[in-house]
Each structure stands twice: as structure tokens, then as C-alpha cells.
Amino acid sequence: MKDYVGTKIAANYFRGSEAVGGKLFFDESGMTFKSHIFNIQRGETRIEYSEIQGAQRGKGIIPTRMSVFTKDGFEHKFVVYHRDDLIAFIESKKSL
């Protein structure tokens, strides 16, 4: 399994119906999505690994879609490359 700690990857994060382009950063305790300045909706979204309930392949026609569910019941929707590797990594970190 690939270790993503200390890395960043290109990603889209769904805020409502808008797929916001940006980067997903991984550190020891969580992941942070940071949008590009060219988006209508900008900003950061932080997800601590300890707050993650699970990660899985997203539903729909987009083959690179990934969903991360937090313990508060929220579904964070992303479009990323290497989705299955990311899901395995997130699943391994959520229990720490």
C-alpha cells in the first residue's frame, strides 16, 4: 500500500453541485483539500483521520470518484486518480 503522508495530489471536491478543482494534502493526522483560486467556491476543507468512518468508491458515472464518510454522517465527495490506492490508505489511517 502506498503511503500518502507528506504528499499532495490533484483532486476535485464537490461542494454542492460544483466540482471544485484543487489539491488534496496528506499529513500525519489528516487530509486537507485546498482549492485553486480560479474556482467560484474557494477555501480549505480539513478531515482528520480520527473523524473518518470509512472511504469507498463513489457512486455515479465518474470512474475516479471517491467518497469519504465522517462520523458526523457527512459524505465528502472527491474525484481523484488512483482511487483504490487512496481508499486503502485512508482506511488504514482512520483507526489511528
N, C-alpha and C. Protein backbone atom coordinates (compact mmCIF):
# COMPACT_ATOMS: atom_id res chain seq x y z
N MET A 1 0.83 -1.18 0.00
CA MET A 1 0.00 0.00 0.00
C MET A 1 0.89 1.25 0.00
N LYS A 2 0.51 2.21 -0.80
CA LYS A 2 1.26 3.47 -0.88
C LYS A 2 0.97 4.34 0.34
N ASP A 3 2.02 4.97 0.86
CA ASP A 3 1.89 5.90 1.98
C ASP A 3 1.81 7.32 1.41
N TYR A 4 0.70 8.00 1.61
CA TYR A 4 0.48 9.33 1.06
C TYR A 4 0.89 10.46 2.02
N VAL A 5 1.32 10.13 3.25
CA VAL A 5 1.70 11.16 4.21
C VAL A 5 2.83 12.01 3.62
N GLY A 6 2.66 13.32 3.68
CA GLY A 6 3.66 14.24 3.14
C GLY A 6 3.52 14.51 1.65
N THR A 7 2.45 14.02 1.05
CA THR A 7 2.26 14.22 -0.39
C THR A 7 1.03 15.06 -0.66
N LYS A 8 0.91 15.51 -1.91
CA LYS A 8 -0.29 16.20 -2.38
C LYS A 8 -0.64 15.64 -3.75
N ILE A 9 -1.93 15.62 -4.04
CA ILE A 9 -2.40 15.10 -5.32
C ILE A 9 -3.46 16.06 -5.88
N ALA A 10 -3.62 16.05 -7.19
CA ALA A 10 -4.69 16.81 -7.82
C ALA A 10 -6.02 16.15 -7.48
N ALA A 11 -7.03 16.97 -7.21
CA ALA A 11 -8.34 16.44 -6.85
C ALA A 11 -9.42 17.47 -7.16
N ASN A 12 -10.61 16.97 -7.34
CA ASN A 12 -11.81 17.81 -7.36
C ASN A 12 -12.62 17.43 -6.14
N TYR A 13 -13.20 18.43 -5.48
CA TYR A 13 -14.01 18.23 -4.28
C TYR A 13 -15.38 18.83 -4.55
N PHE A 14 -16.43 18.03 -4.36
CA PHE A 14 -17.78 18.50 -4.63
C PHE A 14 -18.29 19.33 -3.46
N ARG A 15 -18.57 20.59 -3.75
CA ARG A 15 -19.24 21.48 -2.81
C ARG A 15 -20.60 21.76 -3.43
N GLY A 16 -21.59 21.04 -2.97
CA GLY A 16 -22.89 21.09 -3.63
C GLY A 16 -22.76 20.44 -4.99
N SER A 17 -23.21 21.14 -6.02
CA SER A 17 -23.12 20.58 -7.37
C SER A 17 -21.84 20.99 -8.10
N GLU A 18 -21.05 21.87 -7.47
CA GLU A 18 -19.82 22.32 -8.12
C GLU A 18 -18.65 21.41 -7.77
N ALA A 19 -17.94 20.95 -8.79
CA ALA A 19 -16.70 20.19 -8.60
C ALA A 19 -15.56 21.20 -8.54
N VAL A 20 -15.08 21.46 -7.34
CA VAL A 20 -14.05 22.48 -7.11
C VAL A 20 -12.68 21.86 -7.33
N GLY A 21 -11.89 22.45 -8.22
CA GLY A 21 -10.56 21.94 -8.51
C GLY A 21 -9.55 22.40 -7.47
N GLY A 22 -8.57 21.53 -7.19
CA GLY A 22 -7.54 21.90 -6.23
C GLY A 22 -6.59 20.76 -5.96
N LYS A 23 -6.03 20.78 -4.75
CA LYS A 23 -5.06 19.77 -4.32
C LYS A 23 -5.53 19.17 -2.99
N LEU A 24 -5.22 17.89 -2.81
CA LEU A 24 -5.50 17.19 -1.57
C LEU A 24 -4.16 16.88 -0.92
N PHE A 25 -3.96 17.42 0.28
CA PHE A 25 -2.71 17.28 1.03
C PHE A 25 -2.91 16.28 2.16
N PHE A 26 -1.91 15.42 2.37
CA PHE A 26 -1.98 14.42 3.43
C PHE A 26 -0.86 14.65 4.44
N ASP A 27 -1.20 14.62 5.72
CA ASP A 27 -0.19 14.70 6.77
C ASP A 27 -0.42 13.58 7.78
N GLU A 28 0.26 13.61 8.89
CA GLU A 28 0.17 12.53 9.87
C GLU A 28 -1.21 12.36 10.48
N SER A 29 -1.97 13.47 10.62
CA SER A 29 -3.23 13.38 11.35
C SER A 29 -4.48 13.57 10.48
N GLY A 30 -4.31 13.93 9.22
CA GLY A 30 -5.49 14.12 8.39
C GLY A 30 -5.18 14.55 6.98
N MET A 31 -6.22 14.95 6.28
CA MET A 31 -6.11 15.39 4.90
C MET A 31 -6.81 16.73 4.74
N THR A 32 -6.26 17.58 3.86
CA THR A 32 -6.79 18.91 3.64
C THR A 32 -6.94 19.15 2.15
N PHE A 33 -8.14 19.54 1.74
CA PHE A 33 -8.36 19.95 0.36
C PHE A 33 -8.22 21.45 0.30
N LYS A 34 -7.39 21.94 -0.64
CA LYS A 34 -7.20 23.37 -0.86
C LYS A 34 -7.57 23.67 -2.31
N SER A 35 -8.52 24.57 -2.51
CA SER A 35 -9.00 24.87 -3.86
C SER A 35 -8.04 25.79 -4.60
N HIS A 36 -8.12 25.73 -5.93
CA HIS A 36 -7.41 26.69 -6.78
C HIS A 36 -8.11 28.04 -6.66
N ILE A 37 -7.41 29.10 -6.96
CA ILE A 37 -8.01 30.44 -6.86
C ILE A 37 -9.01 30.72 -7.99
N PHE A 38 -9.04 29.87 -9.00
CA PHE A 38 -9.90 30.10 -10.16
C PHE A 38 -11.34 29.62 -9.95
N ASN A 39 -11.64 28.99 -8.83
CA ASN A 39 -12.97 28.45 -8.57
C ASN A 39 -13.90 29.53 -8.02
N ILE A 40 -15.19 29.32 -8.23
CA ILE A 40 -16.19 30.20 -7.63
C ILE A 40 -16.18 29.99 -6.12
N GLN A 41 -16.23 28.74 -5.69
CA GLN A 41 -16.16 28.41 -4.27
C GLN A 41 -14.70 28.09 -3.94
N ARG A 42 -14.12 28.85 -3.05
CA ARG A 42 -12.72 28.66 -2.69
C ARG A 42 -12.61 28.32 -1.21
N GLY A 43 -11.41 27.90 -0.82
CA GLY A 43 -11.16 27.65 0.58
C GLY A 43 -10.58 26.28 0.83
N GLU A 44 -10.55 25.92 2.10
CA GLU A 44 -9.98 24.64 2.52
C GLU A 44 -11.01 23.82 3.26
N THR A 45 -10.86 22.51 3.14
CA THR A 45 -11.67 21.57 3.92
C THR A 45 -10.71 20.59 4.57
N ARG A 46 -10.76 20.49 5.90
CA ARG A 46 -9.88 19.61 6.67
C ARG A 46 -10.68 18.43 7.18
N ILE A 47 -10.12 17.23 7.01
CA ILE A 47 -10.72 16.00 7.54
C ILE A 47 -9.65 15.28 8.35
N GLU A 48 -9.88 15.14 9.64
CA GLU A 48 -8.96 14.39 10.50
C GLU A 48 -9.22 12.90 10.30
N TYR A 49 -8.16 12.10 10.26
CA TYR A 49 -8.34 10.66 10.10
C TYR A 49 -9.21 10.08 11.22
N SER A 50 -9.07 10.61 12.43
CA SER A 50 -9.83 10.10 13.58
C SER A 50 -11.33 10.34 13.44
N GLU A 51 -11.73 11.25 12.54
CA GLU A 51 -13.15 11.55 12.32
C GLU A 51 -13.74 10.76 11.15
N ILE A 52 -12.93 9.95 10.48
CA ILE A 52 -13.39 9.22 9.30
C ILE A 52 -14.04 7.90 9.71
N GLN A 53 -15.25 7.71 9.20
CA GLN A 53 -15.99 6.46 9.40
C GLN A 53 -15.55 5.43 8.36
N GLY A 54 -15.34 5.88 7.13
CA GLY A 54 -14.93 4.97 6.07
C GLY A 54 -14.74 5.69 4.76
N ALA A 55 -14.13 5.00 3.82
CA ALA A 55 -13.91 5.52 2.47
C ALA A 55 -14.27 4.43 1.48
N GLN A 56 -14.84 4.81 0.35
CA GLN A 56 -15.24 3.83 -0.65
C GLN A 56 -15.33 4.48 -2.02
N ARG A 57 -15.47 3.63 -3.02
CA ARG A 57 -15.69 4.13 -4.38
C ARG A 57 -16.99 4.91 -4.41
N GLY A 58 -16.95 6.05 -5.09
CA GLY A 58 -18.15 6.87 -5.19
C GLY A 58 -19.15 6.30 -6.18
N LYS A 59 -20.37 6.72 -6.03
CA LYS A 59 -21.43 6.27 -6.93
C LYS A 59 -21.54 7.23 -8.10
N GLY A 60 -22.05 6.73 -9.18
CA GLY A 60 -22.25 7.56 -10.36
C GLY A 60 -21.41 7.10 -11.53
N ILE A 61 -21.41 7.91 -12.57
CA ILE A 61 -20.75 7.51 -13.81
C ILE A 61 -19.27 7.89 -13.87
N ILE A 62 -18.81 8.68 -12.90
CA ILE A 62 -17.40 9.11 -12.90
C ILE A 62 -16.55 7.98 -12.32
N PRO A 63 -15.68 7.38 -13.11
CA PRO A 63 -14.94 6.19 -12.65
C PRO A 63 -13.85 6.47 -11.63
N THR A 64 -13.54 7.74 -11.38
CA THR A 64 -12.48 8.07 -10.42
C THR A 64 -13.05 8.73 -9.16
N ARG A 65 -14.33 8.57 -8.95
CA ARG A 65 -14.99 9.20 -7.80
C ARG A 65 -14.74 8.41 -6.52
N MET A 66 -14.53 9.13 -5.42
CA MET A 66 -14.28 8.52 -4.12
C MET A 66 -15.09 9.28 -3.07
N SER A 67 -15.69 8.54 -2.13
CA SER A 67 -16.42 9.16 -1.03
C SER A 67 -15.72 8.86 0.28
N VAL A 68 -15.62 9.89 1.12
CA VAL A 68 -15.08 9.74 2.46
C VAL A 68 -16.19 10.15 3.42
N PHE A 69 -16.59 9.22 4.29
CA PHE A 69 -17.67 9.46 5.23
C PHE A 69 -17.09 9.76 6.61
N THR A 70 -17.55 10.85 7.22
CA THR A 70 -17.08 11.19 8.55
C THR A 70 -18.11 10.70 9.59
N LYS A 71 -17.69 10.65 10.82
CA LYS A 71 -18.52 10.12 11.89
C LYS A 71 -19.78 10.94 12.14
N ASP A 72 -19.79 12.18 11.68
CA ASP A 72 -21.00 13.02 11.82
C ASP A 72 -22.02 12.75 10.72
N GLY A 73 -21.73 11.77 9.84
CA GLY A 73 -22.66 11.38 8.79
C GLY A 73 -22.49 12.12 7.48
N PHE A 74 -21.48 12.99 7.37
CA PHE A 74 -21.28 13.76 6.15
C PHE A 74 -20.48 12.96 5.12
N GLU A 75 -20.88 13.08 3.86
CA GLU A 75 -20.16 12.42 2.76
C GLU A 75 -19.35 13.46 2.00
N HIS A 76 -18.03 13.32 2.04
CA HIS A 76 -17.13 14.18 1.27
C HIS A 76 -16.87 13.47 -0.05
N LYS A 77 -17.17 14.14 -1.16
CA LYS A 77 -17.05 13.52 -2.49
C LYS A 77 -15.87 14.13 -3.23
N PHE A 78 -15.01 13.25 -3.74
CA PHE A 78 -13.81 13.67 -4.46
C PHE A 78 -13.75 12.96 -5.81
N VAL A 79 -13.02 13.56 -6.74
CA VAL A 79 -12.60 12.89 -7.97
C VAL A 79 -11.08 12.92 -7.95
N VAL A 80 -10.47 11.72 -7.98
CA VAL A 80 -9.02 11.59 -7.85
C VAL A 80 -8.53 10.46 -8.74
N TYR A 81 -7.26 10.52 -9.10
CA TYR A 81 -6.62 9.39 -9.76
C TYR A 81 -6.15 8.42 -8.67
N HIS A 82 -5.97 7.17 -9.02
CA HIS A 82 -5.50 6.12 -8.10
C HIS A 82 -6.44 5.98 -6.91
N ARG A 83 -7.71 6.03 -7.19
CA ARG A 83 -8.76 5.98 -6.17
C ARG A 83 -8.62 4.80 -5.22
N ASP A 84 -8.38 3.61 -5.74
CA ASP A 84 -8.32 2.43 -4.89
C ASP A 84 -7.13 2.48 -3.93
N ASP A 85 -5.99 3.02 -4.38
CA ASP A 85 -4.84 3.19 -3.50
C ASP A 85 -5.16 4.19 -2.38
N LEU A 86 -5.84 5.27 -2.72
CA LEU A 86 -6.21 6.27 -1.72
C LEU A 86 -7.19 5.72 -0.70
N ILE A 87 -8.16 4.95 -1.17
CA ILE A 87 -9.13 4.35 -0.26
C ILE A 87 -8.41 3.42 0.72
N ALA A 88 -7.50 2.60 0.24
CA ALA A 88 -6.75 1.69 1.12
C ALA A 88 -5.95 2.48 2.15
N PHE A 89 -5.30 3.56 1.71
CA PHE A 89 -4.53 4.40 2.63
C PHE A 89 -5.42 5.02 3.69
N ILE A 90 -6.53 5.62 3.28
CA ILE A 90 -7.44 6.27 4.23
C ILE A 90 -8.01 5.26 5.21
N GLU A 91 -8.39 4.10 4.73
CA GLU A 91 -8.91 3.05 5.61
C GLU A 91 -7.86 2.62 6.64
N SER A 92 -6.59 2.60 6.25
CA SER A 92 -5.55 2.21 7.20
C SER A 92 -5.29 3.30 8.25
N LYS A 93 -5.56 4.55 7.93
CA LYS A 93 -5.30 5.66 8.83
C LYS A 93 -6.46 5.98 9.76
N LYS A 94 -7.67 5.61 9.38
CA LYS A 94 -8.85 6.06 10.13
C LYS A 94 -8.90 5.54 11.56
N SER A 95 -8.29 4.43 11.84
CA SER A 95 -8.36 3.85 13.18
C SER A 95 -7.25 4.33 14.10
N LEU A 96 -6.32 5.12 13.58
CA LEU A 96 -5.21 5.59 14.40
C LEU A 96 -5.59 6.75 15.29
